[in-house]
Amino acid sequence: MEFMSTGLTPVSLPITFESVYIDYTMIDFGGNSTVLGTDPVNSANNCAITTKNTGAETWAGTVLTLGGPIDFSVKEIFTVKVWSPKAGSVVKLKV
């Protein structure tokens, strides 16, 4: 594994947010804010908590860059667990 200038290992799949040795740096845009925190469903897990702030752009989001490309020829299913305090919230994922 290649280490970044931070001394931390780049993110790779699967992403769990559990290691202190992985660089989970996220870049927010358009009025979003993201922090690492405790999973609201299972306090034994860590997760990324993203908030679309009041006044945020409709296109606001967060970028998490992987340490390498995703090989979609290995697996055709991509699963992301998302929790929202509001039922029916639209969450979009761009890969």
Protein backbone atom coordinates (compact mmCIF):
# COMPACT_ATOMS: atom_id res chain seq x y z
CA MET A 1 0.00 0.00 0.00
CA GLU A 2 1.19 3.45 -0.87
CA PHE A 3 1.21 6.06 1.89
CA MET A 4 0.13 9.63 1.22
CA SER A 5 2.10 12.66 2.37
CA THR A 6 -0.04 12.62 5.54
CA GLY A 7 1.55 9.28 6.45
CA LEU A 8 -1.89 7.65 6.23
CA THR A 9 -2.96 4.91 3.82
CA PRO A 10 -5.30 6.04 0.99
CA VAL A 11 -8.92 4.89 1.20
CA SER A 12 -9.78 1.64 -0.56
CA LEU A 13 -12.89 -0.51 -0.78
CA PRO A 14 -14.64 -1.52 1.36
CA ILE A 15 -14.81 1.76 3.28
CA THR A 16 -15.63 1.26 6.96
CA PHE A 17 -14.37 4.47 8.64
CA GLU A 18 -12.91 2.27 11.40
CA SER A 19 -9.12 2.61 10.97
CA VAL A 20 -7.02 5.44 12.39
CA TYR A 21 -4.38 4.63 9.73
CA ILE A 22 -6.53 5.47 6.68
CA ASP A 23 -6.94 8.95 5.20
CA TYR A 24 -10.71 9.55 5.13
CA THR A 25 -10.31 13.19 4.05
CA MET A 26 -13.53 14.39 2.44
CA ILE A 27 -14.04 17.53 0.39
CA ASP A 28 -17.39 19.29 0.81
CA PHE A 29 -18.82 21.67 -1.80
CA GLY A 30 -21.87 23.85 -2.26
CA GLY A 31 -22.63 24.30 1.44
CA ASN A 32 -22.33 20.69 2.64
CA SER A 33 -20.37 19.75 5.76
CA THR A 34 -19.07 16.28 6.61
CA VAL A 35 -17.43 14.92 9.75
CA LEU A 36 -16.49 11.46 10.95
CA GLY A 37 -18.66 10.34 13.84
CA THR A 38 -20.57 7.55 15.52
CA ASP A 39 -23.11 5.57 13.51
CA PRO A 40 -26.61 6.69 14.67
CA VAL A 41 -27.95 3.15 14.24
CA ASN A 42 -25.06 1.18 15.79
CA SER A 43 -22.81 3.06 18.21
CA ALA A 44 -20.11 0.39 17.78
CA ASN A 45 -19.48 1.69 14.23
CA ASN A 46 -18.03 4.89 12.80
CA CYS A 47 -19.46 6.66 9.77
CA ALA A 48 -19.34 9.83 7.70
CA ILE A 49 -22.02 12.31 8.79
CA THR A 50 -22.95 14.68 5.98
CA THR A 51 -25.22 17.67 6.54
CA LYS A 52 -26.70 19.78 3.78
CA ASN A 53 -26.73 23.12 5.60
CA THR A 54 -29.46 25.76 5.36
CA GLY A 55 -28.84 27.77 2.21
CA ALA A 56 -26.76 24.99 0.60
CA GLU A 57 -26.85 24.69 -3.16
CA THR A 58 -29.11 22.03 -4.68
CA TRP A 59 -25.95 20.41 -6.11
CA ALA A 60 -24.09 20.40 -2.75
CA GLY A 61 -22.18 17.24 -1.94
CA THR A 62 -19.08 15.57 -0.61
CA VAL A 63 -16.13 13.95 -2.39
CA LEU A 64 -14.16 11.02 -0.97
CA THR A 65 -11.25 10.09 -3.23
CA LEU A 66 -10.08 6.49 -3.34
CA GLY A 67 -6.41 5.54 -3.54
CA GLY A 68 -7.01 3.86 -6.91
CA PRO A 69 -9.67 3.08 -9.52
CA ILE A 70 -12.68 0.84 -8.84
CA ASP A 71 -12.54 -2.35 -10.90
CA PHE A 72 -16.19 -2.86 -11.87
CA SER A 73 -15.29 -6.00 -13.84
CA VAL A 74 -14.73 -7.84 -10.54
CA LYS A 75 -18.12 -7.04 -9.03
CA GLU A 76 -21.17 -5.47 -10.61
CA ILE A 77 -22.94 -4.54 -7.35
CA PHE A 78 -22.08 -1.41 -5.40
CA THR A 79 -23.68 -1.14 -1.95
CA VAL A 80 -23.83 1.95 0.23
CA LYS A 81 -25.57 2.11 3.60
CA VAL A 82 -27.33 5.44 4.13
CA TRP A 83 -29.35 6.62 7.11
CA SER A 84 -31.46 9.75 7.20
CA PRO A 85 -33.57 11.18 10.02
CA LYS A 86 -36.20 12.00 7.38
CA ALA A 87 -37.92 9.15 5.52
CA GLY A 88 -37.99 9.52 1.75
CA SER A 89 -34.88 11.73 1.51
CA VAL A 90 -33.19 11.61 -1.88
CA VAL A 91 -29.54 10.59 -1.69
CA LYS A 92 -27.51 10.39 -4.91
CA LEU A 93 -24.20 8.63 -5.42
CA LYS A 94 -21.88 9.46 -8.29
CA VAL A 95 -19.05 7.06 -9.05
